[in-house]
PDB file of all heavy atoms in Angstrom:
ATOM      1  N   LYS A   1      30.873 -12.553  44.732  1.00  0.00           N
ATOM      2  CA  LYS A   1      29.494 -13.326  44.733  1.00  0.00           C
ATOM      3  C   LYS A   1      29.229 -13.749  46.167  1.00  0.00           C
ATOM      4  O   LYS A   1      30.112 -14.256  46.835  1.00  0.00           O
ATOM      5  CB  LYS A   1      29.584 -14.488  43.831  1.00  0.00           C
ATOM      6  CG  LYS A   1      29.798 -14.078  42.334  1.00  0.00           C
ATOM      7  CD  LYS A   1      29.868 -15.324  41.375  1.00  0.00           C
ATOM      8  CE  LYS A   1      29.994 -14.915  39.988  1.00  0.00           C
ATOM      9  NZ  LYS A   1      30.024 -16.079  39.056  1.00  0.00           N
ATOM     10  N   LYS A   2      27.928 -13.664  46.506  1.00  0.00           N
ATOM     11  CA  LYS A   2      27.474 -14.120  47.856  1.00  0.00           C
ATOM     12  C   LYS A   2      26.809 -15.446  47.767  1.00  0.00           C
ATOM     13  O   LYS A   2      26.049 -15.680  46.792  1.00  0.00           O
ATOM     14  CB  LYS A   2      26.500 -13.119  48.465  1.00  0.00           C
ATOM     15  CG  LYS A   2      27.121 -11.769  48.804  1.00  0.00           C
ATOM     16  CD  LYS A   2      26.107 -10.818  49.378  1.00  0.00           C
ATOM     17  CE  LYS A   2      26.728  -9.450  49.698  1.00  0.00           C
ATOM     18  NZ  LYS A   2      25.774  -8.560  50.323  1.00  0.00           N
ATOM     19  N   ASN A   3      27.031 -16.200  48.806  1.00  0.00           N
ATOM     20  CA  ASN A   3      26.429 -17.503  48.824  1.00  0.00           C
ATOM     21  C   ASN A   3      24.943 -17.312  49.339  1.00  0.00           C
ATOM     22  O   ASN A   3      24.705 -16.835  50.401  1.00  0.00           O
ATOM     23  CB  ASN A   3      27.158 -18.490  49.777  1.00  0.00           C
ATOM     24  CG  ASN A   3      26.686 -19.878  49.690  1.00  0.00           C
ATOM     25  OD1 ASN A   3      25.667 -20.180  48.958  1.00  0.00           O
ATOM     26  ND2 ASN A   3      27.288 -20.792  50.405  1.00  0.00           N
ATOM     27  N   PRO A   4      23.949 -17.702  48.519  1.00  0.00           N
ATOM     28  CA  PRO A   4      22.564 -17.600  48.957  1.00  0.00           C
ATOM     29  C   PRO A   4      22.145 -18.295  50.240  1.00  0.00           C
ATOM     30  O   PRO A   4      21.263 -17.958  50.873  1.00  0.00           O
ATOM     31  CB  PRO A   4      21.780 -18.034  47.769  1.00  0.00           C
ATOM     32  CG  PRO A   4      22.652 -18.947  46.986  1.00  0.00           C
ATOM     33  CD  PRO A   4      24.042 -18.469  47.251  1.00  0.00           C
ATOM     34  N   LYS A   5      22.902 -19.322  50.617  1.00  0.00           N
ATOM     35  CA  LYS A   5      22.527 -19.976  51.825  1.00  0.00           C
ATOM     36  C   LYS A   5      22.889 -19.253  53.153  1.00  0.00           C
ATOM     37  O   LYS A   5      22.306 -19.465  54.102  1.00  0.00           O
ATOM     38  CB  LYS A   5      23.289 -21.386  51.857  1.00  0.00           C
ATOM     39  CG  LYS A   5      22.788 -22.384  50.751  1.00  0.00           C
ATOM     40  CD  LYS A   5      23.544 -23.601  50.868  1.00  0.00           C
ATOM     41  CE  LYS A   5      23.053 -24.583  49.793  1.00  0.00           C
ATOM     42  NZ  LYS A   5      23.616 -25.947  49.858  1.00  0.00           N
ATOM     43  N   ILE A   6      23.970 -18.384  52.947  1.00  0.00           N
ATOM     44  CA  ILE A   6      24.367 -17.605  54.159  1.00  0.00           C
ATOM     45  C   ILE A   6      23.886 -16.173  54.106  1.00  0.00           C
ATOM     46  O   ILE A   6      24.378 -15.357  54.796  1.00  0.00           O
ATOM     47  CB  ILE A   6      25.920 -17.704  54.324  1.00  0.00           C
ATOM     48  CG1 ILE A   6      26.638 -17.089  53.041  1.00  0.00           C
ATOM     49  CG2 ILE A   6      26.358 -19.123  54.564  1.00  0.00           C
ATOM     50  CD1 ILE A   6      28.119 -17.070  53.178  1.00  0.00           C
ATOM     51  N   ASP A   7      23.010 -15.899  53.197  1.00  0.00           N
ATOM     52  CA  ASP A   7      22.412 -14.537  53.042  1.00  0.00           C
ATOM     53  C   ASP A   7      21.421 -14.327  54.163  1.00  0.00           C
ATOM     54  O   ASP A   7      20.282 -14.881  54.163  1.00  0.00           O
ATOM     55  CB  ASP A   7      21.833 -14.358  51.720  1.00  0.00           C
ATOM     56  CG  ASP A   7      21.478 -12.885  51.420  1.00  0.00           C
ATOM     57  OD1 ASP A   7      21.815 -12.046  52.370  1.00  0.00           O
ATOM     58  OD2 ASP A   7      20.852 -12.560  50.411  1.00  0.00           O
ATOM     59  N   LEU A   8      21.809 -13.474  55.210  1.00  0.00           N
ATOM     60  CA  LEU A   8      20.906 -13.320  56.358  1.00  0.00           C
ATOM     61  C   LEU A   8      19.774 -12.394  56.042  1.00  0.00           C
ATOM     62  O   LEU A   8      18.739 -12.359  56.715  1.00  0.00           O
ATOM     63  CB  LEU A   8      21.761 -12.711  57.538  1.00  0.00           C
ATOM     64  CG  LEU A   8      22.805 -13.589  58.046  1.00  0.00           C
ATOM     65  CD1 LEU A   8      23.614 -12.889  59.146  1.00  0.00           C
ATOM     66  CD2 LEU A   8      22.300 -14.964  58.490  1.00  0.00           C
ATOM     67  N   SER A   9      19.826 -11.610  55.022  1.00  0.00           N
ATOM     68  CA  SER A   9      18.714 -10.633  54.741  1.00  0.00           C
ATOM     69  C   SER A   9      17.452 -11.403  54.283  1.00  0.00           C
ATOM     70  O   SER A   9      16.409 -10.905  54.446  1.00  0.00           O
ATOM     71  CB  SER A   9      19.217  -9.625  53.593  1.00  0.00           C
ATOM     72  OG  SER A   9      19.547 -10.410  52.433  1.00  0.00           O
ATOM     73  N   ARG A  10      17.691 -12.566  53.819  1.00  0.00           N
ATOM     74  CA  ARG A  10      16.519 -13.299  53.312  1.00  0.00           C
ATOM     75  C   ARG A  10      15.730 -13.866  54.511  1.00  0.00           C
ATOM     76  O   ARG A  10      14.535 -14.089  54.447  1.00  0.00           O
ATOM     77  CB  ARG A  10      16.894 -14.394  52.406  1.00  0.00           C
ATOM     78  CG  ARG A  10      17.575 -13.930  51.069  1.00  0.00           C
ATOM     79  CD  ARG A  10      17.982 -15.054  50.274  1.00  0.00           C
ATOM     80  NE  ARG A  10      16.906 -15.899  49.891  1.00  0.00           N
ATOM     81  CZ  ARG A  10      16.956 -17.027  49.195  1.00  0.00           C
ATOM     82  NH1 ARG A  10      18.262 -17.411  48.843  1.00  0.00           N
ATOM     83  NH2 ARG A  10      15.942 -17.752  48.919  1.00  0.00           N
ATOM     84  N   GLN A  11      16.436 -14.183  55.685  1.00  0.00           N
ATOM     85  CA  GLN A  11      15.786 -14.733  56.803  1.00  0.00           C
ATOM     86  C   GLN A  11      15.446 -13.686  57.898  1.00  0.00           C
ATOM     87  O   GLN A  11      15.202 -14.009  59.059  1.00  0.00           O
ATOM     88  CB  GLN A  11      16.699 -15.837  57.427  1.00  0.00           C
ATOM     89  CG  GLN A  11      16.906 -17.002  56.424  1.00  0.00           C
ATOM     90  CD  GLN A  11      17.880 -18.033  57.043  1.00  0.00           C
ATOM     91  OE1 GLN A  11      18.346 -17.859  58.125  1.00  0.00           O
ATOM     92  NE2 GLN A  11      18.077 -19.090  56.248  1.00  0.00           N
ATOM     93  N   GLY A  12      15.590 -12.399  57.628  1.00  0.00           N
ATOM     94  CA  GLY A  12      15.428 -11.378  58.649  1.00  0.00           C
ATOM     95  C   GLY A  12      13.971 -11.309  59.094  1.00  0.00           C
ATOM     96  O   GLY A  12      13.674 -11.184  60.262  1.00  0.00           O
ATOM     97  N   GLY A  13      12.959 -11.478  58.225  1.00  0.00           N
ATOM     98  CA  GLY A  13      11.595 -11.505  58.594  1.00  0.00           C
ATOM     99  C   GLY A  13      11.244 -12.608  59.522  1.00  0.00           C
ATOM    100  O   GLY A  13      10.497 -12.439  60.498  1.00  0.00           O
ATOM    101  N   ILE A  14      11.730 -13.826  59.223  1.00  0.00           N
ATOM    102  CA  ILE A  14      11.442 -14.976  60.034  1.00  0.00           C
ATOM    103  C   ILE A  14      11.985 -14.754  61.472  1.00  0.00           C
ATOM    104  O   ILE A  14      11.363 -15.043  62.432  1.00  0.00           O
ATOM    105  CB  ILE A  14      11.907 -16.207  59.389  1.00  0.00           C
ATOM    106  CG1 ILE A  14      11.229 -16.370  58.019  1.00  0.00           C
ATOM    107  CG2 ILE A  14      11.678 -17.450  60.262  1.00  0.00           C
ATOM    108  CD1 ILE A  14      11.811 -17.556  57.211  1.00  0.00           C
ATOM    109  N   LEU A  15      13.240 -14.273  61.518  1.00  0.00           N
ATOM    110  CA  LEU A  15      13.858 -14.128  62.841  1.00  0.00           C
ATOM    111  C   LEU A  15      13.141 -13.084  63.605  1.00  0.00           C
ATOM    112  O   LEU A  15      13.005 -13.203  64.869  1.00  0.00           O
ATOM    113  CB  LEU A  15      15.309 -13.811  62.651  1.00  0.00           C
ATOM    114  CG  LEU A  15      16.235 -14.864  62.021  1.00  0.00           C
ATOM    115  CD1 LEU A  15      17.654 -14.344  61.747  1.00  0.00           C
ATOM    116  CD2 LEU A  15      16.268 -16.081  62.866  1.00  0.00           C
ATOM    117  N   LEU A  16      12.699 -12.055  62.899  1.00  0.00           N
ATOM    118  CA  LEU A  16      11.949 -10.936  63.683  1.00  0.00           C
ATOM    119  C   LEU A  16      10.699 -11.522  64.288  1.00  0.00           C
ATOM    120  O   LEU A  16      10.326 -11.244  65.425  1.00  0.00           O
ATOM    121  CB  LEU A  16      11.641  -9.788  62.664  1.00  0.00           C
ATOM    122  CG  LEU A  16      10.905  -8.672  63.319  1.00  0.00           C
ATOM    123  CD1 LEU A  16      11.698  -8.058  64.436  1.00  0.00           C
ATOM    124  CD2 LEU A  16      10.615  -7.604  62.222  1.00  0.00           C
ATOM    125  N   ASN A  17       9.936 -12.343  63.543  1.00  0.00           N
ATOM    126  CA  ASN A  17       8.690 -12.890  64.015  1.00  0.00           C
ATOM    127  C   ASN A  17       8.920 -13.815  65.264  1.00  0.00           C
ATOM    128  O   ASN A  17       8.179 -13.872  66.209  1.00  0.00           O
ATOM    129  CB  ASN A  17       7.921 -13.626  62.922  1.00  0.00           C
ATOM    130  CG  ASN A  17       7.436 -12.675  61.852  1.00  0.00           C
ATOM    131  OD1 ASN A  17       7.215 -11.516  62.113  1.00  0.00           O
ATOM    132  ND2 ASN A  17       7.350 -13.147  60.621  1.00  0.00           N
ATOM    133  N   ILE A  18      10.077 -14.616  65.147  1.00  0.00           N
ATOM    134  CA  ILE A  18      10.301 -15.533  66.184  1.00  0.00           C
ATOM    135  C   ILE A  18      10.775 -14.785  67.435  1.00  0.00           C
ATOM    136  O   ILE A  18      10.290 -15.097  68.552  1.00  0.00           O
ATOM    137  CB  ILE A  18      11.509 -16.495  65.778  1.00  0.00           C
ATOM    138  CG1 ILE A  18      10.994 -17.407  64.651  1.00  0.00           C
ATOM    139  CG2 ILE A  18      11.959 -17.302  66.974  1.00  0.00           C
ATOM    140  CD1 ILE A  18      12.152 -18.291  64.003  1.00  0.00           C
ATOM    141  N   GLY A  19      11.440 -13.684  67.337  1.00  0.00           N
ATOM    142  CA  GLY A  19      11.822 -12.883  68.481  1.00  0.00           C
ATOM    143  C   GLY A  19      10.608 -12.197  69.173  1.00  0.00           C
ATOM    144  O   GLY A  19      10.584 -12.188  70.391  1.00  0.00           O
ATOM    145  N   MET A  20       9.701 -11.674  68.339  1.00  0.00           N
ATOM    146  CA  MET A  20       8.535 -11.128  68.958  1.00  0.00           C
ATOM    147  C   MET A  20       7.663 -12.168  69.680  1.00  0.00           C
ATOM    148  O   MET A  20       7.110 -11.919  70.698  1.00  0.00           O
ATOM    149  CB  MET A  20       7.680 -10.399  67.810  1.00  0.00           C
ATOM    150  CG  MET A  20       8.453  -9.222  67.216  1.00  0.00           C
ATOM    151  SD  MET A  20       7.440  -8.446  65.928  1.00  0.00           S
ATOM    152  CE  MET A  20       6.021  -7.910  66.914  1.00  0.00           C
ATOM    153  N   ALA A  21       7.584 -13.347  69.090  1.00  0.00           N
ATOM    154  CA  ALA A  21       6.766 -14.401  69.743  1.00  0.00           C
ATOM    155  C   ALA A  21       7.379 -14.792  71.091  1.00  0.00           C
ATOM    156  O   ALA A  21       6.645 -15.013  72.111  1.00  0.00           O
ATOM    157  CB  ALA A  21       6.680 -15.673  68.856  1.00  0.00           C
ATOM    158  N   VAL A  22       8.751 -14.905  71.115  1.00  0.00           N
ATOM    159  CA  VAL A  22       9.366 -15.306  72.423  1.00  0.00           C
ATOM    160  C   VAL A  22       9.228 -14.187  73.465  1.00  0.00           C
ATOM    161  O   VAL A  22       8.952 -14.466  74.618  1.00  0.00           O
ATOM    162  CB  VAL A  22      10.904 -15.572  72.059  1.00  0.00           C
ATOM    163  CG1 VAL A  22      11.705 -15.813  73.409  1.00  0.00           C
ATOM    164  CG2 VAL A  22      11.030 -16.863  71.221  1.00  0.00           C
ATOM    165  N   SER A  23       9.347 -12.963  72.942  1.00  0.00           N
ATOM    166  CA  SER A  23       9.167 -11.830  73.915  1.00  0.00           C
ATOM    167  C   SER A  23       7.783 -11.796  74.542  1.00  0.00           C
ATOM    168  O   SER A  23       7.565 -11.629  75.696  1.00  0.00           O
ATOM    169  CB  SER A  23       9.463 -10.540  73.278  1.00  0.00           C
ATOM    170  OG  SER A  23      10.853 -10.523  72.732  1.00  0.00           O
ATOM    171  N   LEU A  24       6.781 -12.016  73.639  1.00  0.00           N
ATOM    172  CA  LEU A  24       5.384 -12.023  74.154  1.00  0.00           C
ATOM    173  C   LEU A  24       5.138 -13.187  75.066  1.00  0.00           C
ATOM    174  O   LEU A  24       4.423 -12.983  76.053  1.00  0.00           O
ATOM    175  CB  LEU A  24       4.464 -12.133  72.940  1.00  0.00           C
ATOM    176  CG  LEU A  24       2.956 -12.107  73.291  1.00  0.00           C
ATOM    177  CD1 LEU A  24       2.606 -10.766  73.922  1.00  0.00           C
ATOM    178  CD2 LEU A  24       2.132 -12.244  71.939  1.00  0.00           C
ATOM    179  N   LEU A  25       5.729 -14.360  74.842  1.00  0.00           N
ATOM    180  CA  LEU A  25       5.578 -15.469  75.725  1.00  0.00           C
ATOM    181  C   LEU A  25       6.187 -15.241  77.046  1.00  0.00           C
ATOM    182  O   LEU A  25       5.613 -15.580  78.119  1.00  0.00           O
ATOM    183  CB  LEU A  25       6.201 -16.663  75.062  1.00  0.00           C
ATOM    184  CG  LEU A  25       6.054 -17.971  75.891  1.00  0.00           C
ATOM    185  CD1 LEU A  25       4.662 -18.317  76.031  1.00  0.00           C
ATOM    186  CD2 LEU A  25       6.828 -19.203  75.069  1.00  0.00           C
ATOM    187  N   LEU A  26       7.339 -14.592  77.082  1.00  0.00           N
ATOM    188  CA  LEU A  26       8.044 -14.257  78.336  1.00  0.00           C
ATOM    189  C   LEU A  26       7.207 -13.253  79.215  1.00  0.00           C
ATOM    190  O   LEU A  26       7.045 -13.383  80.351  1.00  0.00           O
ATOM    191  CB  LEU A  26       9.401 -13.710  78.096  1.00  0.00           C
ATOM    192  CG  LEU A  26      10.411 -14.749  77.514  1.00  0.00           C
ATOM    193  CD1 LEU A  26      11.712 -13.987  77.211  1.00  0.00           C
ATOM    194  CD2 LEU A  26      10.654 -15.816  78.451  1.00  0.00           C
ATOM    195  N   VAL A  27       6.606 -12.275  78.520  1.00  0.00           N
ATOM    196  CA  VAL A  27       5.775 -11.317  79.255  1.00  0.00           C
ATOM    197  C   VAL A  27       4.535 -11.971  79.873  1.00  0.00           C
ATOM    198  O   VAL A  27       4.178 -11.760  80.980  1.00  0.00           O
ATOM    199  CB  VAL A  27       5.317 -10.192  78.299  1.00  0.00           C
ATOM    200  CG1 VAL A  27       4.330  -9.289  78.970  1.00  0.00           C
ATOM    201  CG2 VAL A  27       6.574  -9.373  77.892  1.00  0.00           C
ATOM    202  N   ILE A  28       3.890 -12.880  79.064  1.00  0.00           N
ATOM    203  CA  ILE A  28       2.720 -13.595  79.603  1.00  0.00           C
ATOM    204  C   ILE A  28       3.082 -14.480  80.784  1.00  0.00           C
ATOM    205  O   ILE A  28       2.382 -14.491  81.818  1.00  0.00           O
ATOM    206  CB  ILE A  28       2.059 -14.428  78.505  1.00  0.00           C
ATOM    207  CG1 ILE A  28       1.483 -13.477  77.435  1.00  0.00           C
ATOM    208  CG2 ILE A  28       0.960 -15.295  79.025  1.00  0.00           C
ATOM    209  CD1 ILE A  28       0.952 -14.224  76.170  1.00  0.00           C
ATOM    210  N   VAL A  29       4.250 -15.137  80.708  1.00  0.00           N
ATOM    211  CA  VAL A  29       4.626 -16.059  81.820  1.00  0.00           C
ATOM    212  C   VAL A  29       4.960 -15.176  83.019  1.00  0.00           C
ATOM    213  O   VAL A  29       4.648 -15.568  84.192  1.00  0.00           O
ATOM    214  CB  VAL A  29       5.845 -16.927  81.376  1.00  0.00           C
ATOM    215  CG1 VAL A  29       6.470 -17.601  82.563  1.00  0.00           C
ATOM    216  CG2 VAL A  29       5.401 -17.899  80.281  1.00  0.00           C
ATOM    217  N   ALA A  30       5.527 -14.001  82.817  1.00  0.00           N
ATOM    218  CA  ALA A  30       5.910 -13.160  83.981  1.00  0.00           C
ATOM    219  C   ALA A  30       4.697 -12.684  84.756  1.00  0.00           C
ATOM    220  O   ALA A  30       4.708 -12.638  85.958  1.00  0.00           O
ATOM    221  CB  ALA A  30       6.733 -11.971  83.501  1.00  0.00           C
ATOM    222  N   PHE A  31       3.594 -12.350  83.909  1.00  0.00           N
ATOM    223  CA  PHE A  31       2.397 -11.808  84.652  1.00  0.00           C
ATOM    224  C   PHE A  31       1.572 -12.974  85.212  1.00  0.00           C
ATOM    225  O   PHE A  31       0.888 -12.781  86.261  1.00  0.00           O
ATOM    226  CB  PHE A  31       1.464 -11.047  83.638  1.00  0.00           C
ATOM    227  CG  PHE A  31       1.985  -9.625  83.442  1.00  0.00           C
ATOM    228  CD1 PHE A  31       2.761  -9.338  82.275  1.00  0.00           C
ATOM    229  CD2 PHE A  31       1.680  -8.666  84.367  1.00  0.00           C
ATOM    230  CE1 PHE A  31       3.233  -7.967  82.094  1.00  0.00           C
ATOM    231  CE2 PHE A  31       2.136  -7.344  84.145  1.00  0.00           C
ATOM    232  CZ  PHE A  31       2.880  -7.093  83.018  1.00  0.00           C
ATOM    233  N   GLU A  32       1.615 -14.189  84.679  1.00  0.00           N
ATOM    234  CA  GLU A  32       0.756 -15.236  85.144  1.00  0.00           C
ATOM    235  C   GLU A  32       1.489 -16.091  86.194  1.00  0.00           C
ATOM    236  O   GLU A  32       0.836 -16.988  86.776  1.00  0.00           O
ATOM    237  CB  GLU A  32       0.371 -16.134  83.955  1.00  0.00           C
ATOM    238  CG  GLU A  32      -0.541 -15.389  82.918  1.00  0.00           C
ATOM    239  CD  GLU A  32      -1.870 -15.100  83.592  1.00  0.00           C
ATOM    240  OE1 GLU A  32      -2.348 -15.861  84.486  1.00  0.00           O
ATOM    241  OE2 GLU A  32      -2.490 -14.080  83.208  1.00  0.00           O
ATOM    242  N   TRP A  33       2.746 -15.952  86.444  1.00  0.00           N
ATOM    243  CA  TRP A  33       3.434 -16.825  87.353  1.00  0.00           C
ATOM    244  C   TRP A  33       3.096 -16.415  88.822  1.00  0.00           C
ATOM    245  O   TRP A  33       3.045 -15.292  89.173  1.00  0.00           O
ATOM    246  CB  TRP A  33       5.007 -16.596  87.173  1.00  0.00           C
ATOM    247  CG  TRP A  33       5.803 -17.535  88.106  1.00  0.00           C
ATOM    248  CD1 TRP A  33       6.284 -17.249  89.267  1.00  0.00           C
ATOM    249  CD2 TRP A  33       6.169 -18.809  87.857  1.00  0.00           C
ATOM    250  NE1 TRP A  33       6.964 -18.314  89.839  1.00  0.00           N
ATOM    251  CE2 TRP A  33       6.906 -19.333  88.931  1.00  0.00           C
ATOM    252  CE3 TRP A  33       5.965 -19.715  86.703  1.00  0.00           C
ATOM    253  CZ2 TRP A  33       7.384 -20.644  88.902  1.00  0.00           C
ATOM    254  CZ3 TRP A  33       6.485 -21.004  86.753  1.00  0.00           C
ATOM    255  CH2 TRP A  33       7.158 -21.415  87.875  1.00  0.00           C
ATOM    256  N   ARG A  34       2.654 -17.362  89.589  1.00  0.00           N
ATOM    257  CA  ARG A  34       2.277 -17.235  91.074  1.00  0.00           C
ATOM    258  C   ARG A  34       3.200 -18.015  91.903  1.00  0.00           C
ATOM    259  O   ARG A  34       3.414 -19.139  91.590  1.00  0.00           O
ATOM    260  CB  ARG A  34       0.845 -17.566  91.206  1.00  0.00           C
ATOM    261  CG  ARG A  34      -0.148 -16.662  90.405  1.00  0.00           C
ATOM    262  CD  ARG A  34      -1.558 -17.126  90.653  1.00  0.00           C
ATOM    263  NE  ARG A  34      -2.447 -16.308  89.846  1.00  0.00           N
ATOM    264  CZ  ARG A  34      -3.819 -16.509  89.890  1.00  0.00           C
ATOM    265  NH1 ARG A  34      -4.298 -17.456  90.663  1.00  0.00           N
ATOM    266  NH2 ARG A  34      -4.569 -15.724  89.137  1.00  0.00           N
ATOM    267  N   SER A  35       3.480 -17.449  93.053  1.00  0.00           N
ATOM    268  CA  SER A  35       4.294 -18.239  94.051  1.00  0.00           C
ATOM    269  C   SER A  35       3.532 -18.298  95.348  1.00  0.00           C
ATOM    270  O   SER A  35       2.809 -17.329  95.748  1.00  0.00           O
ATOM    271  CB  SER A  35       5.610 -17.456  94.302  1.00  0.00           C
ATOM    272  OG  SER A  35       5.374 -16.244  94.817  1.00  0.00           O
TER     273      SER A  35
END
C-alpha cells in the first residue's frame, strides 16, 4: 500500500507548471537585464 501523501504522481502537474513559470521568468530577466 502507498501513502497518498507521498504519491508524487498526484503533484506532477503542479510541479510542471511551476517549473515552466520559473523558466519563463528567467528568460525574461535575461533579455531585459541591462548593465
